[in-house]
Amino acid sequence: MGSCLDFDSRLSEHLSKKYAKSYTAKTIDWYPIIKIDQLKLSQARKIELHIKKMKSRLYFKNLIKYPEMIEKLKMKYQ
């Protein structure tokens, strides 16, 4: 999970192991599950931190299942 300005480029960096010593270099099967477009970078980082702090697979699955949760996060972290 991460936030960036250019999603395709960032995913490519993960897949190519550009940062060999990073956590993301330990696997090769990265794929997007949720992509939230049209956010300011600061807003995206706040939402990312919120989701990570939840430490819940169920919460993450619910974000996928209930898109209105994402809309609430966008409003909360404007």
PDB file of N, CA and C in Angstrom:
ATOM      1  N   MET A   1       0.840  -1.146   0.000  1.00  0.00           N
ATOM      2  CA  MET A   1       0.000   0.000   0.000  1.00  0.00           C
ATOM      3  C   MET A   1       0.897   1.224   0.000  1.00  0.00           C
ATOM      4  N   GLY A   2       0.522   2.187  -0.805  1.00  0.00           N
ATOM      5  CA  GLY A   2       1.330   3.385  -0.864  1.00  0.00           C
ATOM      6  C   GLY A   2       0.630   4.495  -1.606  1.00  0.00           C
ATOM      7  N   SER A   3       1.182   5.664  -1.500  1.00  0.00           N
ATOM      8  CA  SER A   3       0.642   6.810  -2.215  1.00  0.00           C
ATOM      9  C   SER A   3       1.749   7.396  -3.075  1.00  0.00           C
ATOM     10  N   CYS A   4       1.352   7.906  -4.229  1.00  0.00           N
ATOM     11  CA  CYS A   4       2.339   8.427  -5.170  1.00  0.00           C
ATOM     12  C   CYS A   4       1.645   9.347  -6.172  1.00  0.00           C
ATOM     13  N   LEU A   5       2.431  10.038  -6.938  1.00  0.00           N
ATOM     14  CA  LEU A   5       1.885  10.910  -7.971  1.00  0.00           C
ATOM     15  C   LEU A   5       1.653  10.169  -9.283  1.00  0.00           C
ATOM     16  N   ASP A   6       2.459   9.163  -9.566  1.00  0.00           N
ATOM     17  CA  ASP A   6       2.347   8.398 -10.812  1.00  0.00           C
ATOM     18  C   ASP A   6       2.242   6.911 -10.482  1.00  0.00           C
ATOM     19  N   PHE A   7       1.020   6.407 -10.423  1.00  0.00           N
ATOM     20  CA  PHE A   7       0.752   5.040  -9.994  1.00  0.00           C
ATOM     21  C   PHE A   7       1.470   3.998 -10.856  1.00  0.00           C
ATOM     22  N   ASP A   8       1.343   4.113 -12.160  1.00  0.00           N
ATOM     23  CA  ASP A   8       1.935   3.108 -13.049  1.00  0.00           C
ATOM     24  C   ASP A   8       3.448   3.031 -12.884  1.00  0.00           C
ATOM     25  N   SER A   9       4.067   4.179 -12.741  1.00  0.00           N
ATOM     26  CA  SER A   9       5.512   4.223 -12.546  1.00  0.00           C
ATOM     27  C   SER A   9       5.901   3.584 -11.216  1.00  0.00           C
ATOM     28  N   ARG A  10       5.150   3.875 -10.177  1.00  0.00           N
ATOM     29  CA  ARG A  10       5.450   3.329  -8.850  1.00  0.00           C
ATOM     30  C   ARG A  10       5.285   1.818  -8.822  1.00  0.00           C
ATOM     31  N   LEU A  11       4.229   1.311  -9.435  1.00  0.00           N
ATOM     32  CA  LEU A  11       4.031  -0.136  -9.499  1.00  0.00           C
ATOM     33  C   LEU A  11       5.170  -0.793 -10.265  1.00  0.00           C
ATOM     34  N   SER A  12       5.588  -0.168 -11.344  1.00  0.00           N
ATOM     35  CA  SER A  12       6.705  -0.675 -12.135  1.00  0.00           C
ATOM     36  C   SER A  12       7.983  -0.746 -11.293  1.00  0.00           C
ATOM     37  N   GLU A  13       8.201   0.262 -10.459  1.00  0.00           N
ATOM     38  CA  GLU A  13       9.375   0.247  -9.579  1.00  0.00           C
ATOM     39  C   GLU A  13       9.332  -0.930  -8.611  1.00  0.00           C
ATOM     40  N   HIS A  14       8.161  -1.206  -8.076  1.00  0.00           N
ATOM     41  CA  HIS A  14       8.020  -2.350  -7.166  1.00  0.00           C
ATOM     42  C   HIS A  14       8.314  -3.656  -7.889  1.00  0.00           C
ATOM     43  N   LEU A  15       7.730  -3.802  -9.055  1.00  0.00           N
ATOM     44  CA  LEU A  15       7.883  -5.053  -9.799  1.00  0.00           C
ATOM     45  C   LEU A  15       9.313  -5.271 -10.289  1.00  0.00           C
ATOM     46  N   SER A  16      10.022  -4.200 -10.586  1.00  0.00           N
ATOM     47  CA  SER A  16      11.400  -4.318 -11.074  1.00  0.00           C
ATOM     48  C   SER A  16      12.428  -4.370  -9.942  1.00  0.00           C
ATOM     49  N   LYS A  17      11.934  -4.265  -8.701  1.00  0.00           N
ATOM     50  CA  LYS A  17      12.810  -4.283  -7.515  1.00  0.00           C
ATOM     51  C   LYS A  17      13.841  -3.153  -7.545  1.00  0.00           C
ATOM     52  N   LYS A  18      13.389  -2.005  -7.933  1.00  0.00           N
ATOM     53  CA  LYS A  18      14.268  -0.838  -8.009  1.00  0.00           C
ATOM     54  C   LYS A  18      14.957  -0.573  -6.671  1.00  0.00           C
ATOM     55  N   TYR A  19      14.241  -0.788  -5.595  1.00  0.00           N
ATOM     56  CA  TYR A  19      14.795  -0.592  -4.253  1.00  0.00           C
ATOM     57  C   TYR A  19      15.059  -1.970  -3.654  1.00  0.00           C
ATOM     58  N   ALA A  20      16.214  -2.529  -3.976  1.00  0.00           N
ATOM     59  CA  ALA A  20      16.540  -3.921  -3.670  1.00  0.00           C
ATOM     60  C   ALA A  20      16.466  -4.280  -2.188  1.00  0.00           C
ATOM     61  N   LYS A  21      16.726  -3.341  -1.314  1.00  0.00           N
ATOM     62  CA  LYS A  21      16.722  -3.638   0.127  1.00  0.00           C
ATOM     63  C   LYS A  21      15.393  -3.311   0.802  1.00  0.00           C
ATOM     64  N   SER A  22      14.430  -2.891   0.048  1.00  0.00           N
ATOM     65  CA  SER A  22      13.149  -2.508   0.641  1.00  0.00           C
ATOM     66  C   SER A  22      12.262  -3.721   0.890  1.00  0.00           C
ATOM     67  N   TYR A  23      11.248  -3.509   1.707  1.00  0.00           N
ATOM     68  CA  TYR A  23      10.287  -4.567   2.005  1.00  0.00           C
ATOM     69  C   TYR A  23       9.609  -5.061   0.727  1.00  0.00           C
ATOM     70  N   THR A  24       9.311  -4.144  -0.177  1.00  0.00           N
ATOM     71  CA  THR A  24       8.583  -4.506  -1.392  1.00  0.00           C
ATOM     72  C   THR A  24       9.401  -5.374  -2.346  1.00  0.00           C
ATOM     73  N   ALA A  25      10.710  -5.438  -2.169  1.00  0.00           N
ATOM     74  CA  ALA A  25      11.554  -6.242  -3.055  1.00  0.00           C
ATOM     75  C   ALA A  25      11.488  -7.729  -2.724  1.00  0.00           C
ATOM     76  N   LYS A  26      10.858  -8.076  -1.617  1.00  0.00           N
ATOM     77  CA  LYS A  26      10.811  -9.470  -1.184  1.00  0.00           C
ATOM     78  C   LYS A  26       9.826 -10.323  -1.972  1.00  0.00           C
ATOM     79  N   THR A  27       8.999  -9.701  -2.767  1.00  0.00           N
ATOM     80  CA  THR A  27       8.018 -10.453  -3.546  1.00  0.00           C
ATOM     81  C   THR A  27       7.915  -9.883  -4.958  1.00  0.00           C
ATOM     82  N   ILE A  28       7.391 -10.676  -5.864  1.00  0.00           N
ATOM     83  CA  ILE A  28       7.285 -10.223  -7.260  1.00  0.00           C
ATOM     84  C   ILE A  28       5.845 -10.142  -7.744  1.00  0.00           C
ATOM     85  N   ASP A  29       4.898 -10.449  -6.862  1.00  0.00           N
ATOM     86  CA  ASP A  29       3.508 -10.528  -7.307  1.00  0.00           C
ATOM     87  C   ASP A  29       2.645  -9.349  -6.844  1.00  0.00           C
ATOM     88  N   TRP A  30       3.212  -8.144  -6.914  1.00  0.00           N
ATOM     89  CA  TRP A  30       2.439  -6.966  -6.549  1.00  0.00           C
ATOM     90  C   TRP A  30       1.352  -6.713  -7.587  1.00  0.00           C
ATOM     91  N   TYR A  31       0.158  -6.426  -7.100  1.00  0.00           N
ATOM     92  CA  TYR A  31      -0.934  -6.047  -7.994  1.00  0.00           C
ATOM     93  C   TYR A  31      -1.875  -5.111  -7.231  1.00  0.00           C
ATOM     94  N   PRO A  32      -2.498  -4.192  -7.914  1.00  0.00           N
ATOM     95  CA  PRO A  32      -3.378  -3.238  -7.233  1.00  0.00           C
ATOM     96  C   PRO A  32      -4.695  -3.878  -6.816  1.00  0.00           C
ATOM     97  N   ILE A  33      -5.150  -3.512  -5.638  1.00  0.00           N
ATOM     98  CA  ILE A  33      -6.448  -3.976  -5.148  1.00  0.00           C
ATOM     99  C   ILE A  33      -7.405  -2.790  -5.094  1.00  0.00           C
ATOM    100  N   ILE A  34      -6.906  -1.704  -4.542  1.00  0.00           N
ATOM    101  CA  ILE A  34      -7.693  -0.470  -4.472  1.00  0.00           C
ATOM    102  C   ILE A  34      -6.832   0.663  -5.022  1.00  0.00           C
ATOM    103  N   LYS A  35      -7.437   1.446  -5.863  1.00  0.00           N
ATOM    104  CA  LYS A  35      -6.757   2.634  -6.376  1.00  0.00           C
ATOM    105  C   LYS A  35      -7.734   3.799  -6.223  1.00  0.00           C
ATOM    106  N   ILE A  36      -7.318   4.790  -5.455  1.00  0.00           N
ATOM    107  CA  ILE A  36      -8.163   5.960  -5.229  1.00  0.00           C
ATOM    108  C   ILE A  36      -7.536   7.121  -5.988  1.00  0.00           C
ATOM    109  N   ASP A  37      -8.205   7.545  -7.023  1.00  0.00           N
ATOM    110  CA  ASP A  37      -7.689   8.616  -7.884  1.00  0.00           C
ATOM    111  C   ASP A  37      -8.134   9.992  -7.401  1.00  0.00           C
ATOM    112  N   GLN A  38      -7.494  10.993  -7.971  1.00  0.00           N
ATOM    113  CA  GLN A  38      -7.877  12.388  -7.813  1.00  0.00           C
ATOM    114  C   GLN A  38      -7.768  12.876  -6.372  1.00  0.00           C
ATOM    115  N   LEU A  39      -6.672  12.520  -5.710  1.00  0.00           N
ATOM    116  CA  LEU A  39      -6.400  13.008  -4.360  1.00  0.00           C
ATOM    117  C   LEU A  39      -5.159  13.875  -4.390  1.00  0.00           C
ATOM    118  N   LYS A  40      -5.103  14.834  -3.496  1.00  0.00           N
ATOM    119  CA  LYS A  40      -3.847  15.546  -3.286  1.00  0.00           C
ATOM    120  C   LYS A  40      -2.909  14.556  -2.612  1.00  0.00           C
ATOM    121  N   LEU A  41      -1.617  14.716  -2.816  1.00  0.00           N
ATOM    122  CA  LEU A  41      -0.658  13.776  -2.238  1.00  0.00           C
ATOM    123  C   LEU A  41      -0.767  13.744  -0.715  1.00  0.00           C
ATOM    124  N   SER A  42      -0.949  14.881  -0.087  1.00  0.00           N
ATOM    125  CA  SER A  42      -1.065  14.912   1.381  1.00  0.00           C
ATOM    126  C   SER A  42      -2.315  14.153   1.846  1.00  0.00           C
ATOM    127  N   GLN A  43      -3.401  14.291   1.109  1.00  0.00           N
ATOM    128  CA  GLN A  43      -4.634  13.582   1.430  1.00  0.00           C
ATOM    129  C   GLN A  43      -4.433  12.074   1.250  1.00  0.00           C
ATOM    130  N   ALA A  44      -3.771  11.681   0.184  1.00  0.00           N
ATOM    131  CA  ALA A  44      -3.515  10.266  -0.075  1.00  0.00           C
ATOM    132  C   ALA A  44      -2.672   9.655   1.038  1.00  0.00           C
ATOM    133  N   ARG A  45      -1.682  10.379   1.489  1.00  0.00           N
ATOM    134  CA  ARG A  45      -0.808   9.874   2.566  1.00  0.00           C
ATOM    135  C   ARG A  45      -1.563   9.727   3.875  1.00  0.00           C
ATOM    136  N   LYS A  46      -2.462  10.651   4.175  1.00  0.00           N
ATOM    137  CA  LYS A  46      -3.269  10.550   5.395  1.00  0.00           C
ATOM    138  C   LYS A  46      -4.196   9.339   5.340  1.00  0.00           C
ATOM    139  N   ILE A  47      -4.816   9.117   4.191  1.00  0.00           N
ATOM    140  CA  ILE A  47      -5.694   7.962   4.036  1.00  0.00           C
ATOM    141  C   ILE A  47      -4.888   6.674   4.138  1.00  0.00           C
ATOM    142  N   GLU A  48      -3.728   6.641   3.512  1.00  0.00           N
ATOM    143  CA  GLU A  48      -2.851   5.473   3.591  1.00  0.00           C
ATOM    144  C   GLU A  48      -2.492   5.174   5.041  1.00  0.00           C
ATOM    145  N   LEU A  49      -2.097   6.186   5.791  1.00  0.00           N
ATOM    146  CA  LEU A  49      -1.728   6.003   7.192  1.00  0.00           C
ATOM    147  C   LEU A  49      -2.914   5.503   8.002  1.00  0.00           C
ATOM    148  N   HIS A  50      -4.088   6.064   7.749  1.00  0.00           N
ATOM    149  CA  HIS A  50      -5.301   5.630   8.437  1.00  0.00           C
ATOM    150  C   HIS A  50      -5.547   4.137   8.222  1.00  0.00           C
ATOM    151  N   ILE A  51      -5.475   3.709   6.977  1.00  0.00           N
ATOM    152  CA  ILE A  51      -5.731   2.302   6.651  1.00  0.00           C
ATOM    153  C   ILE A  51      -4.680   1.407   7.309  1.00  0.00           C
ATOM    154  N   LYS A  52      -3.426   1.807   7.249  1.00  0.00           N
ATOM    155  CA  LYS A  52      -2.362   1.005   7.865  1.00  0.00           C
ATOM    156  C   LYS A  52      -2.524   0.915   9.376  1.00  0.00           C
ATOM    157  N   LYS A  53      -2.951   1.999  10.005  1.00  0.00           N
ATOM    158  CA  LYS A  53      -3.150   1.988  11.455  1.00  0.00           C
ATOM    159  C   LYS A  53      -4.277   1.042  11.868  1.00  0.00           C
ATOM    160  N   MET A  54      -5.204   0.802  10.984  1.00  0.00           N
ATOM    161  CA  MET A  54      -6.305  -0.103  11.302  1.00  0.00           C
ATOM    162  C   MET A  54      -5.808  -1.539  11.504  1.00  0.00           C
ATOM    163  N   LYS A  55      -4.739  -1.899  10.821  1.00  0.00           N
ATOM    164  CA  LYS A  55      -4.146  -3.239  10.932  1.00  0.00           C
ATOM    165  C   LYS A  55      -5.220  -4.332  10.871  1.00  0.00           C
ATOM    166  N   SER A  56      -6.074  -4.229   9.896  1.00  0.00           N
ATOM    167  CA  SER A  56      -7.203  -5.143   9.807  1.00  0.00           C
ATOM    168  C   SER A  56      -7.454  -5.556   8.364  1.00  0.00           C
ATOM    169  N   ARG A  57      -7.352  -6.813   8.131  1.00  0.00           N
ATOM    170  CA  ARG A  57      -7.669  -7.338   6.805  1.00  0.00           C
ATOM    171  C   ARG A  57      -9.154  -7.157   6.505  1.00  0.00           C
ATOM    172  N   LEU A  58      -9.990  -7.310   7.529  1.00  0.00           N
ATOM    173  CA  LEU A  58     -11.430  -7.139   7.352  1.00  0.00           C
ATOM    174  C   LEU A  58     -11.753  -5.699   6.953  1.00  0.00           C
ATOM    175  N   TYR A  59     -11.105  -4.738   7.583  1.00  0.00           N
ATOM    176  CA  TYR A  59     -11.318  -3.336   7.226  1.00  0.00           C
ATOM    177  C   TYR A  59     -10.955  -3.108   5.761  1.00  0.00           C
ATOM    178  N   PHE A  60      -9.833  -3.663   5.350  1.00  0.00           N
ATOM    179  CA  PHE A  60      -9.393  -3.519   3.968  1.00  0.00           C
ATOM    180  C   PHE A  60     -10.399  -4.151   3.008  1.00  0.00           C
ATOM    181  N   LYS A  61     -10.883  -5.340   3.344  1.00  0.00           N
ATOM    182  CA  LYS A  61     -11.879  -6.014   2.501  1.00  0.00           C
ATOM    183  C   LYS A  61     -13.165  -5.194   2.442  1.00  0.00           C
ATOM    184  N   ASN A  62     -13.522  -4.571   3.550  1.00  0.00           N
ATOM    185  CA  ASN A  62     -14.727  -3.744   3.562  1.00  0.00           C
ATOM    186  C   ASN A  62     -14.566  -2.496   2.703  1.00  0.00           C
ATOM    187  N   LEU A  63     -13.361  -1.955   2.619  1.00  0.00           N
ATOM    188  CA  LEU A  63     -13.120  -0.824   1.721  1.00  0.00           C
ATOM    189  C   LEU A  63     -13.415  -1.217   0.272  1.00  0.00           C
ATOM    190  N   ILE A  64     -13.080  -2.449  -0.064  1.00  0.00           N
ATOM    191  CA  ILE A  64     -13.344  -2.948  -1.410  1.00  0.00           C
ATOM    192  C   ILE A  64     -14.841  -3.179  -1.608  1.00  0.00           C
ATOM    193  N   LYS A  65     -15.450  -3.775  -0.612  1.00  0.00           N
ATOM    194  CA  LYS A  65     -16.859  -4.155  -0.701  1.00  0.00           C
ATOM    195  C   LYS A  65     -17.806  -2.956  -0.633  1.00  0.00           C
ATOM    196  N   TYR A  66     -17.432  -1.954   0.166  1.00  0.00           N
ATOM    197  CA  TYR A  66     -18.300  -0.797   0.393  1.00  0.00           C
ATOM    198  C   TYR A  66     -17.583   0.493  -0.021  1.00  0.00           C
ATOM    199  N   PRO A  67     -17.687   0.873  -1.283  1.00  0.00           N
ATOM    200  CA  PRO A  67     -16.983   2.070  -1.784  1.00  0.00           C
ATOM    201  C   PRO A  67     -17.344   3.353  -1.026  1.00  0.00           C
ATOM    202  N   GLU A  68     -18.493   3.369  -0.372  1.00  0.00           N
ATOM    203  CA  GLU A  68     -18.872   4.562   0.389  1.00  0.00           C
ATOM    204  C   GLU A  68     -17.902   4.810   1.556  1.00  0.00           C
ATOM    205  N   MET A  69     -17.239   3.776   2.026  1.00  0.00           N
ATOM    206  CA  MET A  69     -16.223   3.955   3.065  1.00  0.00           C
ATOM    207  C   MET A  69     -15.065   4.802   2.551  1.00  0.00           C
ATOM    208  N   ILE A  70     -14.706   4.585   1.297  1.00  0.00           N
ATOM    209  CA  ILE A  70     -13.632   5.372   0.696  1.00  0.00           C
ATOM    210  C   ILE A  70     -14.060   6.833   0.571  1.00  0.00           C
ATOM    211  N   GLU A  71     -15.297   7.043   0.192  1.00  0.00           N
ATOM    212  CA  GLU A  71     -15.797   8.419   0.076  1.00  0.00           C
ATOM    213  C   GLU A  71     -15.767   9.122   1.434  1.00  0.00           C
ATOM    214  N   LYS A  72     -16.084   8.398   2.509  1.00  0.00           N
ATOM    215  CA  LYS A  72     -16.026   8.987   3.853  1.00  0.00           C
ATOM    216  C   LYS A  72     -14.593   9.334   4.235  1.00  0.00           C
ATOM    217  N   LEU A  73     -13.639   8.486   3.866  1.00  0.00           N
ATOM    218  CA  LEU A  73     -12.243   8.782   4.146  1.00  0.00           C
ATOM    219  C   LEU A  73     -11.780  10.013   3.371  1.00  0.00           C
ATOM    220  N   LYS A  74     -12.232  10.147   2.145  1.00  0.00           N
ATOM    221  CA  LYS A  74     -11.881  11.323   1.346  1.00  0.00           C
ATOM    222  C   LYS A  74     -12.395  12.598   2.010  1.00  0.00           C
ATOM    223  N   MET A  75     -13.597  12.540   2.530  1.00  0.00           N
ATOM    224  CA  MET A  75     -14.167  13.710   3.199  1.00  0.00           C
ATOM    225  C   MET A  75     -13.443  14.001   4.505  1.00  0.00           C
ATOM    226  N   LYS A  76     -13.133  12.962   5.244  1.00  0.00           N
ATOM    227  CA  LYS A  76     -12.466  13.123   6.544  1.00  0.00           C
ATOM    228  C   LYS A  76     -11.080  13.741   6.403  1.00  0.00           C
ATOM    229  N   TYR A  77     -10.369  13.366   5.356  1.00  0.00           N
ATOM    230  CA  TYR A  77      -8.968  13.795   5.189  1.00  0.00           C
ATOM    231  C   TYR A  77      -8.790  14.802   4.062  1.00  0.00           C
ATOM    232  N   GLN A  78      -9.730  15.709   3.906  1.00  0.00           N
ATOM    233  CA  GLN A  78      -9.596  16.760   2.885  1.00  0.00           C
ATOM    234  C   GLN A  78      -8.508  17.729   3.235  1.00  0.00           C
TER     235      GLN A  78
END
